[in-house]
Amino acid sequence: MDVTTTCPCLGTPHQGGDTVTLKDKPGLHMGTTALGWASVQATTEAPTSGDIAELYLREGIVSWTYLEDDGTPKPVTDETLDWLLDDYELAYPVAEKASELYTEVIFRPLVAQLPKSSRTSRTNGSTRPRSQRSQKTAASP
């Protein structure tokens, strides 16, 4: 999947923006890492949505059209991924698309394990029985 971002290149040579290409589906490491984080969610060291977004970008980006200051293609490396992740305006649209691509696929097995009662819809108002006093008050003219 291709995602268009603004062009941060020197002199803005890509007037229509730059393109970041994401893998079409998550790899095993990405999926098992995200699932592992979800399983420890209740601990104080639970990952944030930012951690998962970073994981998606670090493992999901396969190419981009960003250029170095000298006009040569900027390679996708750990260092250049850090460069992208340090720029919210550039990284966020890519993270949103990555989330659309990967989240449902990765977390489907976890959701399937939830008890059916946990997956029911919300109720309108409280389901707690009213006390006898409140029932008498409601019945009074």
N, C-alpha and C. Protein backbone atom coordinates (compact mmCIF):
# COMPACT_ATOMS: atom_id res chain seq x y z
N MET A 1 0.85 -1.18 0.00
CA MET A 1 0.00 0.00 0.00
C MET A 1 0.89 1.24 0.00
N ASP A 2 0.54 2.17 -0.83
CA ASP A 2 1.28 3.43 -0.91
C ASP A 2 0.55 4.51 -0.11
N VAL A 3 1.35 5.30 0.62
CA VAL A 3 0.83 6.41 1.41
C VAL A 3 1.55 7.67 0.95
N THR A 4 0.80 8.71 0.64
CA THR A 4 1.40 9.97 0.21
C THR A 4 1.58 10.88 1.42
N THR A 5 2.78 11.46 1.55
CA THR A 5 3.07 12.41 2.62
C THR A 5 3.54 13.71 1.98
N THR A 6 3.64 14.73 2.80
CA THR A 6 4.23 15.98 2.30
C THR A 6 5.69 15.70 1.99
N CYS A 7 6.28 16.52 1.16
CA CYS A 7 7.67 16.32 0.76
C CYS A 7 8.59 17.16 1.65
N PRO A 8 9.43 16.50 2.46
CA PRO A 8 10.37 17.24 3.30
C PRO A 8 11.72 17.45 2.63
N CYS A 9 11.87 16.98 1.38
CA CYS A 9 13.16 17.03 0.71
C CYS A 9 13.60 18.48 0.45
N LEU A 10 14.88 18.70 0.47
CA LEU A 10 15.46 20.02 0.23
C LEU A 10 14.98 20.54 -1.12
N GLY A 11 14.40 21.73 -1.15
CA GLY A 11 13.91 22.31 -2.39
C GLY A 11 12.57 21.73 -2.83
N THR A 12 12.01 20.84 -2.05
CA THR A 12 10.73 20.19 -2.33
C THR A 12 10.61 19.73 -3.78
N PRO A 13 11.46 18.77 -4.20
CA PRO A 13 11.40 18.30 -5.58
C PRO A 13 10.14 17.47 -5.90
N HIS A 14 9.47 16.96 -4.91
CA HIS A 14 8.25 16.16 -5.14
C HIS A 14 7.04 17.03 -4.81
N GLN A 15 6.59 17.81 -5.77
CA GLN A 15 5.51 18.75 -5.51
C GLN A 15 4.20 18.05 -5.16
N GLY A 16 4.00 16.83 -5.62
CA GLY A 16 2.80 16.08 -5.28
C GLY A 16 2.96 15.31 -3.98
N GLY A 17 4.09 15.48 -3.33
CA GLY A 17 4.38 14.77 -2.10
C GLY A 17 5.28 13.58 -2.33
N ASP A 18 5.62 12.90 -1.26
CA ASP A 18 6.43 11.69 -1.33
C ASP A 18 5.55 10.49 -1.10
N THR A 19 6.05 9.33 -1.47
CA THR A 19 5.31 8.08 -1.31
C THR A 19 6.08 7.15 -0.39
N VAL A 20 5.37 6.59 0.58
CA VAL A 20 5.91 5.57 1.46
C VAL A 20 5.13 4.30 1.16
N THR A 21 5.84 3.22 0.89
CA THR A 21 5.19 1.95 0.57
C THR A 21 5.28 1.01 1.76
N LEU A 22 4.12 0.49 2.15
CA LEU A 22 4.02 -0.44 3.27
C LEU A 22 3.80 -1.86 2.76
N LYS A 23 4.29 -2.84 3.51
CA LYS A 23 3.98 -4.24 3.22
C LYS A 23 2.47 -4.40 3.24
N ASP A 24 1.96 -5.28 2.41
CA ASP A 24 0.52 -5.49 2.34
C ASP A 24 -0.04 -6.21 3.56
N LYS A 25 0.80 -6.94 4.27
CA LYS A 25 0.34 -7.66 5.45
C LYS A 25 1.47 -7.73 6.47
N PRO A 26 1.12 -7.91 7.74
CA PRO A 26 2.16 -7.95 8.78
C PRO A 26 2.96 -9.24 8.71
N GLY A 27 4.22 -9.11 9.09
CA GLY A 27 5.08 -10.28 9.20
C GLY A 27 4.91 -10.93 10.57
N LEU A 28 5.47 -12.11 10.72
CA LEU A 28 5.36 -12.86 11.96
C LEU A 28 5.90 -12.09 13.15
N HIS A 29 7.07 -11.50 13.02
CA HIS A 29 7.67 -10.78 14.14
C HIS A 29 6.80 -9.61 14.58
N MET A 30 6.30 -8.84 13.60
CA MET A 30 5.43 -7.71 13.93
C MET A 30 4.20 -8.21 14.69
N GLY A 31 3.56 -9.23 14.16
CA GLY A 31 2.33 -9.75 14.76
C GLY A 31 2.53 -10.32 16.15
N THR A 32 3.55 -11.14 16.31
CA THR A 32 3.76 -11.76 17.62
C THR A 32 4.23 -10.75 18.65
N THR A 33 4.98 -9.75 18.22
CA THR A 33 5.40 -8.69 19.14
C THR A 33 4.19 -7.91 19.63
N ALA A 34 3.33 -7.50 18.72
CA ALA A 34 2.13 -6.74 19.10
C ALA A 34 1.22 -7.58 19.98
N LEU A 35 1.03 -8.85 19.66
CA LEU A 35 0.20 -9.73 20.49
C LEU A 35 0.81 -9.92 21.87
N GLY A 36 2.12 -10.06 21.92
CA GLY A 36 2.80 -10.19 23.21
C GLY A 36 2.60 -8.96 24.07
N TRP A 37 2.69 -7.80 23.46
CA TRP A 37 2.45 -6.55 24.19
C TRP A 37 1.02 -6.51 24.71
N ALA A 38 0.07 -6.94 23.89
CA ALA A 38 -1.33 -6.92 24.31
C ALA A 38 -1.56 -7.85 25.49
N SER A 39 -0.83 -8.94 25.55
CA SER A 39 -1.04 -9.90 26.65
C SER A 39 -0.50 -9.38 27.98
N VAL A 40 0.38 -8.40 27.96
CA VAL A 40 0.90 -7.82 29.20
C VAL A 40 0.32 -6.43 29.44
N GLN A 41 -0.76 -6.12 28.78
CA GLN A 41 -1.36 -4.79 28.82
C GLN A 41 -1.66 -4.32 30.24
N ALA A 42 -2.01 -5.23 31.13
CA ALA A 42 -2.39 -4.84 32.48
C ALA A 42 -1.20 -4.44 33.35
N THR A 43 0.00 -4.72 32.91
CA THR A 43 1.17 -4.37 33.72
C THR A 43 1.48 -2.89 33.58
N THR A 44 2.31 -2.39 34.48
CA THR A 44 2.65 -0.97 34.44
C THR A 44 3.56 -0.64 33.26
N GLU A 45 4.15 -1.65 32.66
CA GLU A 45 5.05 -1.40 31.54
C GLU A 45 4.39 -1.73 30.21
N ALA A 46 3.08 -1.63 30.14
CA ALA A 46 2.35 -1.91 28.92
C ALA A 46 2.77 -0.95 27.83
N PRO A 47 2.87 -1.44 26.60
CA PRO A 47 3.23 -0.55 25.50
C PRO A 47 2.11 0.44 25.22
N THR A 48 2.49 1.56 24.68
CA THR A 48 1.52 2.58 24.31
C THR A 48 1.13 2.38 22.85
N SER A 49 0.12 3.10 22.41
CA SER A 49 -0.24 3.05 20.99
C SER A 49 0.91 3.57 20.14
N GLY A 50 1.71 4.46 20.70
CA GLY A 50 2.89 4.95 19.99
C GLY A 50 3.91 3.85 19.76
N ASP A 51 4.06 2.95 20.74
CA ASP A 51 4.99 1.83 20.57
C ASP A 51 4.53 0.92 19.44
N ILE A 52 3.24 0.67 19.40
CA ILE A 52 2.71 -0.21 18.35
C ILE A 52 2.81 0.48 16.99
N ALA A 53 2.52 1.77 16.93
CA ALA A 53 2.66 2.51 15.67
C ALA A 53 4.10 2.47 15.18
N GLU A 54 5.04 2.64 16.09
CA GLU A 54 6.45 2.59 15.71
C GLU A 54 6.82 1.20 15.20
N LEU A 55 6.34 0.17 15.87
CA LEU A 55 6.58 -1.21 15.41
C LEU A 55 6.05 -1.39 13.99
N TYR A 56 4.83 -0.91 13.73
CA TYR A 56 4.24 -1.04 12.41
C TYR A 56 5.12 -0.37 11.35
N LEU A 57 5.65 0.81 11.66
CA LEU A 57 6.46 1.53 10.68
C LEU A 57 7.84 0.90 10.53
N ARG A 58 8.46 0.54 11.62
CA ARG A 58 9.79 -0.06 11.54
C ARG A 58 9.77 -1.37 10.75
N GLU A 59 8.71 -2.13 10.89
CA GLU A 59 8.65 -3.42 10.22
C GLU A 59 7.80 -3.42 8.95
N GLY A 60 6.99 -2.38 8.76
CA GLY A 60 6.09 -2.37 7.63
C GLY A 60 6.55 -1.58 6.42
N ILE A 61 7.43 -0.59 6.63
CA ILE A 61 7.88 0.23 5.50
C ILE A 61 8.88 -0.55 4.66
N VAL A 62 8.59 -0.65 3.36
CA VAL A 62 9.51 -1.34 2.46
C VAL A 62 10.29 -0.37 1.56
N SER A 63 9.70 0.79 1.28
CA SER A 63 10.40 1.78 0.45
C SER A 63 9.73 3.14 0.61
N TRP A 64 10.43 4.17 0.09
CA TRP A 64 9.88 5.52 0.06
C TRP A 64 10.62 6.33 -0.99
N THR A 65 10.11 7.52 -1.28
CA THR A 65 10.72 8.37 -2.30
C THR A 65 11.47 9.55 -1.70
N TYR A 66 11.72 9.55 -0.39
CA TYR A 66 12.45 10.64 0.25
C TYR A 66 13.87 10.69 -0.29
N LEU A 67 14.40 11.91 -0.34
CA LEU A 67 15.75 12.12 -0.85
C LEU A 67 16.66 12.71 0.23
N GLU A 68 17.94 12.40 0.10
CA GLU A 68 18.96 13.04 0.93
C GLU A 68 19.14 14.48 0.45
N ASP A 69 19.84 15.29 1.22
CA ASP A 69 20.05 16.69 0.84
C ASP A 69 20.78 16.83 -0.50
N ASP A 70 21.59 15.82 -0.87
CA ASP A 70 22.32 15.89 -2.14
C ASP A 70 21.49 15.37 -3.32
N GLY A 71 20.23 14.99 -3.06
CA GLY A 71 19.34 14.55 -4.14
C GLY A 71 19.34 13.05 -4.38
N THR A 72 20.19 12.31 -3.66
CA THR A 72 20.19 10.85 -3.82
C THR A 72 19.07 10.24 -2.98
N PRO A 73 18.59 9.06 -3.36
CA PRO A 73 17.52 8.43 -2.60
C PRO A 73 17.94 8.16 -1.15
N LYS A 74 17.04 8.46 -0.22
CA LYS A 74 17.30 8.19 1.19
C LYS A 74 16.96 6.71 1.43
N PRO A 75 17.93 5.90 1.84
CA PRO A 75 17.64 4.48 2.04
C PRO A 75 16.77 4.26 3.29
N VAL A 76 16.05 3.16 3.32
CA VAL A 76 15.26 2.80 4.50
C VAL A 76 16.18 1.99 5.41
N THR A 77 16.66 2.65 6.48
CA THR A 77 17.55 2.03 7.45
C THR A 77 17.03 2.38 8.85
N ASP A 78 17.63 1.79 9.87
CA ASP A 78 17.24 2.15 11.24
C ASP A 78 17.41 3.65 11.48
N GLU A 79 18.50 4.21 10.98
CA GLU A 79 18.76 5.63 11.18
C GLU A 79 17.74 6.51 10.46
N THR A 80 17.41 6.17 9.22
CA THR A 80 16.44 6.99 8.50
C THR A 80 15.02 6.75 9.01
N LEU A 81 14.74 5.57 9.53
CA LEU A 81 13.45 5.35 10.18
C LEU A 81 13.34 6.24 11.42
N ASP A 82 14.43 6.39 12.16
CA ASP A 82 14.44 7.32 13.30
C ASP A 82 14.12 8.73 12.82
N TRP A 83 14.71 9.12 11.68
CA TRP A 83 14.45 10.45 11.10
C TRP A 83 12.96 10.62 10.83
N LEU A 84 12.33 9.61 10.24
CA LEU A 84 10.90 9.70 9.94
C LEU A 84 10.08 9.74 11.23
N LEU A 85 10.39 8.87 12.17
CA LEU A 85 9.63 8.79 13.42
C LEU A 85 9.76 10.06 14.26
N ASP A 86 10.82 10.81 14.07
CA ASP A 86 11.01 12.07 14.79
C ASP A 86 10.16 13.21 14.21
N ASP A 87 9.49 12.96 13.08
CA ASP A 87 8.68 13.98 12.42
C ASP A 87 7.22 13.53 12.43
N TYR A 88 6.48 13.99 13.41
CA TYR A 88 5.08 13.58 13.58
C TYR A 88 4.26 13.83 12.33
N GLU A 89 4.44 15.00 11.72
CA GLU A 89 3.64 15.36 10.55
C GLU A 89 3.85 14.38 9.39
N LEU A 90 5.07 13.88 9.23
CA LEU A 90 5.35 12.90 8.18
C LEU A 90 4.92 11.49 8.59
N ALA A 91 5.22 11.13 9.82
CA ALA A 91 5.02 9.75 10.26
C ALA A 91 3.56 9.40 10.54
N TYR A 92 2.78 10.35 11.05
CA TYR A 92 1.41 10.03 11.48
C TYR A 92 0.52 9.48 10.36
N PRO A 93 0.48 10.10 9.17
CA PRO A 93 -0.38 9.54 8.12
C PRO A 93 0.03 8.11 7.73
N VAL A 94 1.32 7.84 7.76
CA VAL A 94 1.81 6.50 7.43
C VAL A 94 1.41 5.52 8.53
N ALA A 95 1.52 5.96 9.79
CA ALA A 95 1.13 5.11 10.92
C ALA A 95 -0.36 4.79 10.89
N GLU A 96 -1.19 5.77 10.49
CA GLU A 96 -2.63 5.54 10.38
C GLU A 96 -2.94 4.47 9.34
N LYS A 97 -2.30 4.55 8.19
CA LYS A 97 -2.53 3.56 7.14
C LYS A 97 -2.00 2.20 7.57
N ALA A 98 -0.86 2.19 8.24
CA ALA A 98 -0.30 0.92 8.73
C ALA A 98 -1.25 0.29 9.74
N SER A 99 -1.84 1.09 10.58
CA SER A 99 -2.80 0.58 11.56
C SER A 99 -4.01 -0.03 10.85
N GLU A 100 -4.50 0.62 9.80
CA GLU A 100 -5.61 0.08 9.01
C GLU A 100 -5.26 -1.27 8.40
N LEU A 101 -4.01 -1.39 7.94
CA LEU A 101 -3.57 -2.63 7.30
C LEU A 101 -3.33 -3.77 8.28
N TYR A 102 -2.74 -3.46 9.43
CA TYR A 102 -2.21 -4.52 10.29
C TYR A 102 -3.02 -4.85 11.53
N THR A 103 -3.67 -3.88 12.14
CA THR A 103 -4.28 -4.09 13.45
C THR A 103 -5.31 -5.22 13.46
N GLU A 104 -6.25 -5.20 12.54
CA GLU A 104 -7.30 -6.22 12.55
C GLU A 104 -6.72 -7.61 12.33
N VAL A 105 -5.77 -7.72 11.42
CA VAL A 105 -5.15 -9.02 11.12
C VAL A 105 -4.39 -9.55 12.34
N ILE A 106 -3.64 -8.68 12.99
CA ILE A 106 -2.83 -9.10 14.13
C ILE A 106 -3.69 -9.47 15.33
N PHE A 107 -4.71 -8.67 15.62
CA PHE A 107 -5.47 -8.87 16.84
C PHE A 107 -6.70 -9.77 16.67
N ARG A 108 -6.99 -10.20 15.46
CA ARG A 108 -8.12 -11.11 15.24
C ARG A 108 -8.05 -12.35 16.12
N PRO A 109 -6.90 -13.03 16.25
CA PRO A 109 -6.85 -14.22 17.12
C PRO A 109 -7.15 -13.90 18.58
N LEU A 110 -6.71 -12.75 19.04
CA LEU A 110 -6.95 -12.35 20.43
C LEU A 110 -8.43 -12.08 20.65
N VAL A 111 -9.07 -11.39 19.72
CA VAL A 111 -10.49 -11.09 19.82
C VAL A 111 -11.31 -12.38 19.77
N ALA A 112 -10.88 -13.33 18.95
CA ALA A 112 -11.60 -14.60 18.83
C ALA A 112 -11.60 -15.38 20.14
N GLN A 113 -10.60 -15.16 20.98
CA GLN A 113 -10.50 -15.86 22.27
C GLN A 113 -11.36 -15.24 23.36
N LEU A 114 -11.87 -14.02 23.14
CA LEU A 114 -12.69 -13.36 24.15
C LEU A 114 -13.98 -14.11 24.34
N PRO A 115 -14.47 -14.21 25.58
CA PRO A 115 -15.78 -14.83 25.80
C PRO A 115 -16.85 -14.04 25.05
N LYS A 116 -17.84 -14.73 24.55
CA LYS A 116 -18.89 -14.05 23.78
C LYS A 116 -19.58 -12.97 24.58
N SER A 117 -19.74 -13.14 25.89
CA SER A 117 -20.39 -12.11 26.70
C SER A 117 -19.60 -10.82 26.74
N SER A 118 -18.30 -10.88 26.53
CA SER A 118 -17.48 -9.68 26.51
C SER A 118 -17.62 -8.91 25.21
N ARG A 119 -18.15 -9.58 24.18
CA ARG A 119 -18.26 -8.94 22.88
C ARG A 119 -19.65 -8.40 22.60
N THR A 120 -20.54 -8.40 23.58
CA THR A 120 -21.89 -7.90 23.35
C THR A 120 -21.88 -6.39 23.31
N SER A 121 -22.97 -5.84 22.81
CA SER A 121 -23.05 -4.38 22.69
C SER A 121 -23.35 -3.75 24.03
N ARG A 122 -23.17 -2.44 24.07
CA ARG A 122 -23.44 -1.69 25.30
C ARG A 122 -24.93 -1.65 25.57
N THR A 123 -25.25 -1.43 26.85
CA THR A 123 -26.66 -1.28 27.22
C THR A 123 -26.96 0.19 27.40
N ASN A 124 -28.22 0.53 27.32
CA ASN A 124 -28.64 1.91 27.57
C ASN A 124 -28.90 2.05 29.06
N GLY A 125 -28.13 2.82 29.73
CA GLY A 125 -28.31 3.04 31.16
C GLY A 125 -27.77 1.89 31.99
N SER A 126 -28.08 1.94 33.25
CA SER A 126 -27.57 0.95 34.19
C SER A 126 -28.38 -0.33 34.10
N THR A 127 -27.70 -1.45 34.29
CA THR A 127 -28.38 -2.73 34.33
C THR A 127 -28.56 -3.19 35.78
N ARG A 128 -28.14 -2.36 36.71
CA ARG A 128 -28.26 -2.68 38.13
C ARG A 128 -29.72 -2.53 38.55
N PRO A 129 -30.26 -3.51 39.30
CA PRO A 129 -31.66 -3.39 39.73
C PRO A 129 -31.84 -2.19 40.63
N ARG A 130 -32.99 -1.56 40.48
CA ARG A 130 -33.28 -0.40 41.33
C ARG A 130 -33.64 -0.89 42.72
N SER A 131 -33.37 -0.08 43.72
CA SER A 131 -33.72 -0.44 45.09
C SER A 131 -35.22 -0.34 45.26
N GLN A 132 -35.75 -0.97 46.32
CA GLN A 132 -37.19 -0.92 46.58
C GLN A 132 -37.64 0.51 46.79
N ARG A 133 -36.81 1.31 47.43
CA ARG A 133 -37.18 2.71 47.70
C ARG A 133 -37.35 3.47 46.39
N SER A 134 -36.39 3.31 45.45
CA SER A 134 -36.51 4.04 44.19
C SER A 134 -37.68 3.52 43.37
N GLN A 135 -38.04 2.24 43.53
CA GLN A 135 -39.19 1.70 42.81
C GLN A 135 -40.48 2.31 43.37
N LYS A 136 -40.55 2.46 44.72
CA LYS A 136 -41.74 3.05 45.33
C LYS A 136 -41.87 4.51 44.94
N THR A 137 -40.74 5.22 44.90
CA THR A 137 -40.75 6.63 44.54
C THR A 137 -41.21 6.79 43.09
N ALA A 138 -40.75 5.90 42.23
CA ALA A 138 -41.12 5.98 40.83
C ALA A 138 -42.61 5.69 40.64
N ALA A 139 -43.18 4.85 41.52
CA ALA A 139 -44.60 4.49 41.40
C ALA A 139 -45.51 5.54 42.03
N SER A 140 -44.99 6.40 42.90
CA SER A 140 -45.80 7.42 43.57
C SER A 140 -46.25 8.47 42.58
N PRO A 141 -47.50 9.04 42.80
CA PRO A 141 -48.00 10.08 41.88
C PRO A 141 -47.29 11.40 42.04
